[in-house]
Amino acid sequence: MENIIESSLLEKLTEYEKLIGNTPLIELSNIEGVGTIYAKCEWYNATGSIKDRAAFAMIKNLLEENKDRDSSDFHILEYSGGNLALSLAHICKFLNISLTLVLSSAADKSLLSKLYRLNAEVILSDKSKGFWGVMCKAFDVHKENPTWDFLYQHHNKNNHFAHKNGTGSEIIQQLNGKQVDTWVASVGTGGTVTGVYDSLKLKYPSINMCIVSPAELEYGSLEKPNSLRKYAGSGGLGEGRKQRFVEEREMYIQSHYKYSFDDTLREMKRFYDNTGIKIGTSAAANLLASKEIIKEQNRNFSVVTVFPDQGSDEEWEACYRLDEEK
């Protein structure tokens, strides 16, 4: 009976997989007069962000490694800066699996409302401790509840493989033989930037990797974590800590670009005004870096990047407030 129940659970998850991936790759031409940007638009995923890929991959692996357990035997624990929380809550609701999430007390109210509607338990960490504080809170919760299934995205190899085998492979297929010179993406957990890079490098051995992080607390910063508003999902960890997947590939990083929250808000607005397409702050950071790379090259040059989402309600409100303050 247990095998029948578990098989049914995995089959249900396979049905959910149809809602993830195969997102469009758009081409932005004549950048700085000479370059091309190819951007993977990830808001076409189930909950509107790239994090659906990692969430699905981590949960699928968990179920496959615990085939003797029913859905009622699982209790997933994870921390998040935003989008991953919604992705996990959506899948866990679909599978009827208990979920506890740790987020910053500065988390967007619109996100928290969605999480509560999806029956997720939310624990808030003091925003003054930054994202590292959110992670530490999750570590503490796991110590108190050792039987819970802690996904630990920064060290979960399925986070990386979701992008190596999924996002990166899709990009290669969609490029259809077109040459690309550089891959650029925000650090975040490190899963996207390294996973896609590992995939692209197999097809384009000479491709460069550039990373992007917030000016308020960049990747590898020696500064203490802070509560400054940063572009979505990409804050550094502070005090010299580095995201594992990125640290392991530092020798391949060609350049590191940093942008403030306000920088990304302005780019969101500019891009929307010019194209009618909404992108979030992390996408705007990737776009700013892509344009800067092309400007530095000053020649026919192509960059591939990712647009993780279309931005939260709060990001767009901040965007228009900033515009009004001019």
Protein backbone atom coordinates (compact mmCIF):
# COMPACT_ATOMS: atom_id res chain seq x y z
CA MET A 1 0.00 0.00 0.00
CA GLU A 2 2.86 2.39 0.83
CA ASN A 3 4.41 1.92 -2.64
CA ILE A 4 1.07 2.71 -4.28
CA ILE A 5 0.71 5.91 -2.22
CA GLU A 6 4.27 7.04 -2.97
CA SER A 7 3.97 6.25 -6.67
CA SER A 8 0.84 8.37 -6.76
CA LEU A 9 2.68 11.24 -5.06
CA LEU A 10 5.52 11.18 -7.58
CA GLU A 11 3.09 10.91 -10.46
CA LYS A 12 1.30 13.98 -9.17
CA LEU A 13 4.61 15.85 -9.01
CA THR A 14 5.32 14.81 -12.60
CA GLU A 15 2.04 16.46 -13.59
CA TYR A 16 3.24 19.66 -11.92
CA GLU A 17 6.45 19.53 -13.96
CA LYS A 18 4.46 20.45 -17.06
CA LEU A 19 4.05 23.93 -15.56
CA ILE A 20 7.81 24.52 -15.36
CA GLY A 21 10.40 25.32 -17.99
CA ASN A 22 10.39 25.88 -21.75
CA THR A 23 10.28 29.62 -21.11
CA PRO A 24 10.96 31.97 -24.03
CA LEU A 25 14.34 33.46 -24.90
CA ILE A 26 14.01 37.00 -26.26
CA GLU A 27 16.58 38.83 -28.36
CA LEU A 28 17.42 42.47 -27.67
CA SER A 29 19.38 43.86 -30.61
CA ASN A 30 21.53 46.91 -31.30
CA ILE A 31 22.59 47.30 -27.66
CA GLU A 32 25.06 50.17 -27.40
CA GLY A 33 24.85 50.20 -31.19
CA VAL A 34 26.75 46.95 -31.64
CA GLY A 35 25.68 44.17 -29.30
CA THR A 36 22.95 41.62 -28.70
CA ILE A 37 21.40 40.40 -25.46
CA TYR A 38 19.53 37.10 -25.22
CA ALA A 39 17.33 37.02 -22.11
CA LYS A 40 15.51 33.99 -20.72
CA CYS A 41 12.07 35.13 -19.47
CA GLU A 42 11.31 33.08 -16.37
CA TRP A 43 7.96 34.58 -15.36
CA TYR A 44 6.30 31.99 -17.60
CA ASN A 45 6.91 29.35 -14.90
CA ALA A 46 4.12 28.17 -12.59
CA THR A 47 4.34 30.89 -9.93
CA GLY A 48 6.02 33.51 -12.10
CA SER A 49 9.70 33.08 -11.31
CA ILE A 50 12.83 31.07 -12.00
CA LYS A 51 12.70 29.66 -8.46
CA ASP A 52 10.04 27.17 -9.56
CA ARG A 53 12.86 25.19 -11.18
CA ALA A 54 14.96 24.81 -8.03
CA ALA A 55 11.93 24.20 -5.82
CA PHE A 56 10.69 21.41 -8.08
CA ALA A 57 14.14 19.80 -8.40
CA MET A 58 14.81 19.81 -4.65
CA ILE A 59 11.38 18.40 -3.76
CA LYS A 60 11.53 15.75 -6.48
CA ASN A 61 14.89 14.54 -5.18
CA LEU A 62 13.55 14.47 -1.62
CA LEU A 63 10.60 12.29 -2.66
CA GLU A 64 12.76 9.96 -4.73
CA GLU A 65 15.15 9.42 -1.83
CA ASN A 66 12.28 8.68 0.58
CA LYS A 67 10.02 6.34 -1.34
CA ASP A 68 8.79 4.63 1.82
CA ARG A 69 7.13 7.79 3.12
CA ASP A 70 3.63 9.14 2.59
CA SER A 71 2.99 12.85 2.02
CA SER A 72 1.85 13.19 5.64
CA ASP A 73 5.31 12.03 6.78
CA PHE A 74 7.08 14.98 5.16
CA HIS A 75 7.58 18.38 6.72
CA ILE A 76 9.74 20.61 4.56
CA LEU A 77 11.80 23.44 6.05
CA GLU A 78 13.52 26.14 4.01
CA TYR A 79 14.57 29.78 4.12
CA SER A 80 13.98 32.25 1.32
CA GLY A 81 14.47 35.79 0.14
CA GLY A 82 11.10 35.72 -1.61
CA ASN A 83 10.36 33.82 -4.79
CA LEU A 84 11.54 30.41 -3.63
CA ALA A 85 9.12 30.61 -0.71
CA LEU A 86 6.19 31.03 -3.07
CA SER A 87 7.42 28.23 -5.34
CA LEU A 88 7.77 25.80 -2.43
CA ALA A 89 4.42 26.79 -0.93
CA HIS A 90 2.67 26.23 -4.25
CA ILE A 91 4.18 22.76 -4.76
CA CYS A 92 3.67 21.69 -1.14
CA LYS A 93 0.04 22.79 -1.29
CA PHE A 94 -0.35 20.79 -4.51
CA LEU A 95 1.15 17.69 -2.85
CA ASN A 96 -0.47 18.25 0.57
CA ILE A 97 2.94 18.40 2.27
CA SER A 98 3.58 20.51 5.40
CA LEU A 99 5.92 23.47 4.90
CA THR A 100 7.71 25.86 7.24
CA LEU A 101 9.49 28.87 5.77
CA VAL A 102 11.93 31.33 7.32
CA LEU A 103 11.93 34.84 5.82
CA SER A 104 13.13 38.28 6.81
CA SER A 105 10.76 40.50 8.76
CA ALA A 106 11.17 42.88 5.81
CA ALA A 107 9.48 40.40 3.45
CA ASP A 108 6.88 41.93 1.11
CA LYS A 109 3.37 41.88 2.55
CA SER A 110 1.96 40.69 -0.77
CA LEU A 111 4.23 37.63 -0.59
CA LEU A 112 3.30 36.85 3.01
CA SER A 113 -0.38 37.04 2.13
CA LYS A 114 0.09 34.49 -0.66
CA LEU A 115 2.07 32.16 1.60
CA TYR A 116 -0.59 32.18 4.29
CA ARG A 117 -3.28 31.42 1.71
CA LEU A 118 -1.20 28.40 0.64
CA ASN A 119 -1.14 27.14 4.26
CA ALA A 120 2.61 27.65 4.74
CA GLU A 121 3.92 28.31 8.24
CA VAL A 122 6.12 31.42 8.22
CA ILE A 123 8.81 32.31 10.75
CA LEU A 124 10.29 35.80 10.49
CA SER A 125 13.90 36.71 11.20
CA ASP A 126 15.00 40.15 12.38
CA LYS A 127 15.68 42.15 9.19
CA SER A 128 18.69 43.88 10.78
CA LYS A 129 20.57 40.57 10.59
CA GLY A 130 20.29 40.42 6.80
CA PHE A 131 19.88 37.28 4.75
CA TRP A 132 22.56 35.48 6.74
CA GLY A 133 20.31 36.00 9.76
CA VAL A 134 17.45 34.34 7.86
CA MET A 135 19.68 31.36 7.12
CA CYS A 136 20.87 31.12 10.74
CA LYS A 137 17.27 31.19 11.95
CA ALA A 138 16.51 28.25 9.66
CA PHE A 139 19.54 26.37 11.01
CA ASP A 140 18.20 26.91 14.54
CA VAL A 141 14.71 25.75 13.59
CA HIS A 142 16.18 22.60 12.08
CA LYS A 143 18.14 21.88 15.26
CA GLU A 144 14.89 22.13 17.19
CA ASN A 145 13.08 19.94 14.63
CA PRO A 146 15.69 17.47 13.30
CA THR A 147 13.09 15.22 11.66
CA TRP A 148 11.95 17.98 9.32
CA ASP A 149 13.26 17.87 5.75
CA PHE A 150 15.62 20.84 5.44
CA LEU A 151 16.31 21.58 1.77
CA TYR A 152 19.24 23.98 2.38
CA GLN A 153 19.28 25.53 -1.09
CA HIS A 154 22.80 26.98 -0.88
CA HIS A 155 24.25 23.48 -0.55
CA ASN A 156 21.58 21.42 -2.31
CA LYS A 157 23.13 20.13 -5.54
CA ASN A 158 19.66 19.85 -7.11
CA ASN A 159 19.44 23.66 -7.03
CA HIS A 160 22.50 23.73 -9.30
CA PHE A 161 21.43 20.80 -11.51
CA ALA A 162 17.98 22.31 -12.09
CA HIS A 163 19.72 25.02 -14.11
CA LYS A 164 22.50 22.94 -15.63
CA ASN A 165 20.09 20.32 -16.95
CA GLY A 166 17.06 22.58 -17.39
CA THR A 167 17.59 26.32 -17.88
CA GLY A 168 21.00 26.00 -19.53
CA SER A 169 19.95 23.18 -21.86
CA GLU A 170 16.89 25.14 -22.95
CA ILE A 171 19.00 28.22 -23.70
CA ILE A 172 21.37 26.20 -25.90
CA GLN A 173 18.46 24.74 -27.84
CA GLN A 174 16.82 28.15 -28.26
CA LEU A 175 20.03 29.80 -29.43
CA ASN A 176 20.01 27.26 -32.25
CA GLY A 177 23.69 27.61 -33.05
CA LYS A 178 23.99 31.39 -32.55
CA GLN A 179 27.28 32.44 -31.02
CA VAL A 180 27.34 33.93 -27.51
CA ASP A 181 30.40 35.40 -25.83
CA THR A 182 29.36 35.91 -22.19
CA TRP A 183 26.90 34.56 -19.66
CA VAL A 184 25.91 36.98 -16.90
CA ALA A 185 23.58 36.51 -13.93
CA SER A 186 23.14 37.53 -10.31
CA VAL A 187 24.80 35.43 -7.65
CA GLY A 188 21.72 34.72 -5.50
CA THR A 189 22.19 31.23 -4.08
CA GLY A 190 24.63 30.48 -6.89
CA GLY A 191 22.43 27.80 -8.45
CA THR A 192 21.38 29.69 -11.57
CA VAL A 193 24.62 31.47 -12.42
CA THR A 194 26.78 28.34 -12.05
CA GLY A 195 24.30 25.78 -13.33
CA VAL A 196 23.65 27.59 -16.60
CA TYR A 197 27.36 28.38 -16.98
CA ASP A 198 28.34 24.72 -16.63
CA SER A 199 25.80 23.84 -19.30
CA LEU A 200 26.77 26.63 -21.72
CA LYS A 201 30.47 25.88 -21.36
CA LEU A 202 29.95 22.43 -22.84
CA LYS A 203 28.55 24.01 -26.01
CA TYR A 204 30.64 27.21 -25.97
CA PRO A 205 34.04 26.32 -24.40
CA SER A 206 35.31 29.91 -24.57
CA ILE A 207 32.25 31.56 -23.01
CA ASN A 208 32.92 33.94 -20.13
CA MET A 209 31.00 34.11 -16.85
CA CYS A 210 30.21 37.43 -15.18
CA ILE A 211 28.39 37.80 -11.89
CA VAL A 212 26.15 40.52 -10.46
CA SER A 213 25.36 41.39 -6.85
CA PRO A 214 23.86 44.27 -4.82
CA ALA A 215 25.99 47.33 -4.11
CA GLU A 216 24.46 47.35 -0.60
CA LEU A 217 26.18 44.02 0.24
CA GLU A 218 28.06 42.42 -2.60
CA TYR A 219 29.17 38.81 -3.04
CA GLY A 220 32.06 38.02 -0.68
CA SER A 221 31.79 41.33 1.19
CA LEU A 222 33.66 41.58 4.48
CA GLU A 223 31.01 43.94 5.84
CA LYS A 224 28.43 42.79 8.36
CA PRO A 225 24.97 41.80 7.11
CA ASN A 226 22.58 44.74 6.96
CA SER A 227 18.90 45.53 6.50
CA LEU A 228 19.34 47.83 3.50
CA ARG A 229 16.86 47.16 0.70
CA LYS A 230 18.56 45.23 -2.09
CA TYR A 231 17.44 44.08 -5.49
CA ALA A 232 15.41 40.87 -5.22
CA GLY A 233 16.87 37.59 -4.06
CA SER A 234 20.52 38.45 -4.44
CA GLY A 235 21.92 39.83 -1.20
CA GLY A 236 25.44 38.91 -0.11
CA LEU A 237 26.01 36.93 3.08
CA GLY A 238 28.51 39.30 4.68
CA GLU A 239 31.67 38.87 6.78
CA GLY A 240 33.50 37.16 3.93
CA ARG A 241 31.02 34.33 3.50
CA LYS A 242 30.51 33.12 -0.05
CA GLN A 243 27.86 31.09 -1.83
CA ARG A 244 29.29 27.61 -2.23
CA PHE A 245 28.50 26.99 -5.90
CA VAL A 246 30.06 30.31 -6.91
CA GLU A 247 33.11 30.03 -4.66
CA GLU A 248 33.91 26.68 -6.25
CA ARG A 249 34.04 28.36 -9.69
CA GLU A 250 35.65 31.70 -8.86
CA MET A 251 38.52 30.98 -11.25
CA TYR A 252 36.03 31.25 -14.14
CA ILE A 253 34.57 34.62 -13.16
CA GLN A 254 35.70 37.31 -15.57
CA SER A 255 33.95 40.33 -14.01
CA HIS A 256 31.77 41.27 -11.08
CA TYR A 257 29.16 44.04 -11.42
CA LYS A 258 27.35 45.75 -8.53
CA TYR A 259 24.13 47.77 -8.61
CA SER A 260 22.07 49.51 -5.97
CA PHE A 261 18.38 48.95 -5.40
CA ASP A 262 17.63 52.37 -6.88
CA ASP A 263 19.76 51.55 -9.95
CA THR A 264 17.59 48.53 -10.63
CA LEU A 265 14.33 50.40 -10.04
CA ARG A 266 15.31 52.97 -12.66
CA GLU A 267 16.22 50.23 -15.14
CA MET A 268 12.90 48.46 -14.53
CA LYS A 269 11.06 51.65 -15.41
CA ARG A 270 13.25 52.44 -18.43
CA PHE A 271 12.85 48.94 -19.88
CA TYR A 272 9.10 48.94 -19.37
CA ASP A 273 8.73 52.38 -20.95
CA ASN A 274 10.75 51.24 -23.98
CA THR A 275 9.36 47.73 -24.48
CA GLY A 276 6.08 47.38 -22.57
CA ILE A 277 7.61 44.36 -20.79
CA LYS A 278 7.72 44.27 -17.00
CA ILE A 279 10.87 42.92 -15.34
CA GLY A 280 11.82 42.75 -11.66
CA THR A 281 14.82 44.27 -9.93
CA SER A 282 17.02 41.17 -10.31
CA ALA A 283 16.29 41.11 -14.04
CA ALA A 284 17.09 44.81 -14.21
CA ALA A 285 20.44 44.19 -12.50
CA ASN A 286 21.27 41.47 -15.05
CA LEU A 287 20.24 43.78 -17.88
CA LEU A 288 22.41 46.63 -16.57
CA ALA A 289 25.41 44.31 -16.39
CA SER A 290 24.75 42.93 -19.87
CA LYS A 291 24.70 46.42 -21.35
CA GLU A 292 27.83 47.42 -19.46
CA ILE A 293 29.68 44.36 -20.77
CA ILE A 294 28.76 45.20 -24.36
CA LYS A 295 29.78 48.83 -23.86
CA GLU A 296 33.17 47.73 -22.53
CA GLN A 297 33.74 45.50 -25.55
CA ASN A 298 32.67 48.20 -28.05
CA ARG A 299 32.25 45.63 -30.82
CA ASN A 300 29.78 43.09 -32.15
CA PHE A 301 29.31 41.11 -28.95
CA SER A 302 26.56 38.88 -27.59
CA VAL A 303 25.53 38.29 -24.01
CA VAL A 304 23.05 35.78 -22.63
CA THR A 305 21.30 36.41 -19.32
CA VAL A 306 18.14 35.63 -17.41
CA PHE A 307 15.13 37.69 -16.34
CA PRO A 308 14.01 35.84 -13.16
CA ASP A 309 10.60 37.50 -12.73
CA GLN A 310 8.44 40.54 -13.51
CA GLY A 311 8.82 42.19 -10.12
CA SER A 312 6.66 42.31 -7.01
CA ASP A 313 3.89 44.81 -6.33
CA GLU A 314 6.17 46.45 -3.77
CA GLU A 315 9.04 46.77 -6.24
CA TRP A 316 6.81 48.52 -8.77
CA GLU A 317 5.42 50.81 -6.07
CA ALA A 318 9.00 51.73 -5.11
CA CYS A 319 9.81 52.21 -8.78
CA TYR A 320 7.07 54.78 -9.29
CA ARG A 321 7.79 56.51 -5.97
CA LEU A 322 11.38 56.97 -7.08
CA ASP A 323 10.18 58.36 -10.40
CA GLU A 324 7.91 60.84 -8.62
CA GLU A 325 10.77 62.03 -6.40
CA LYS A 326 12.83 63.22 -9.35
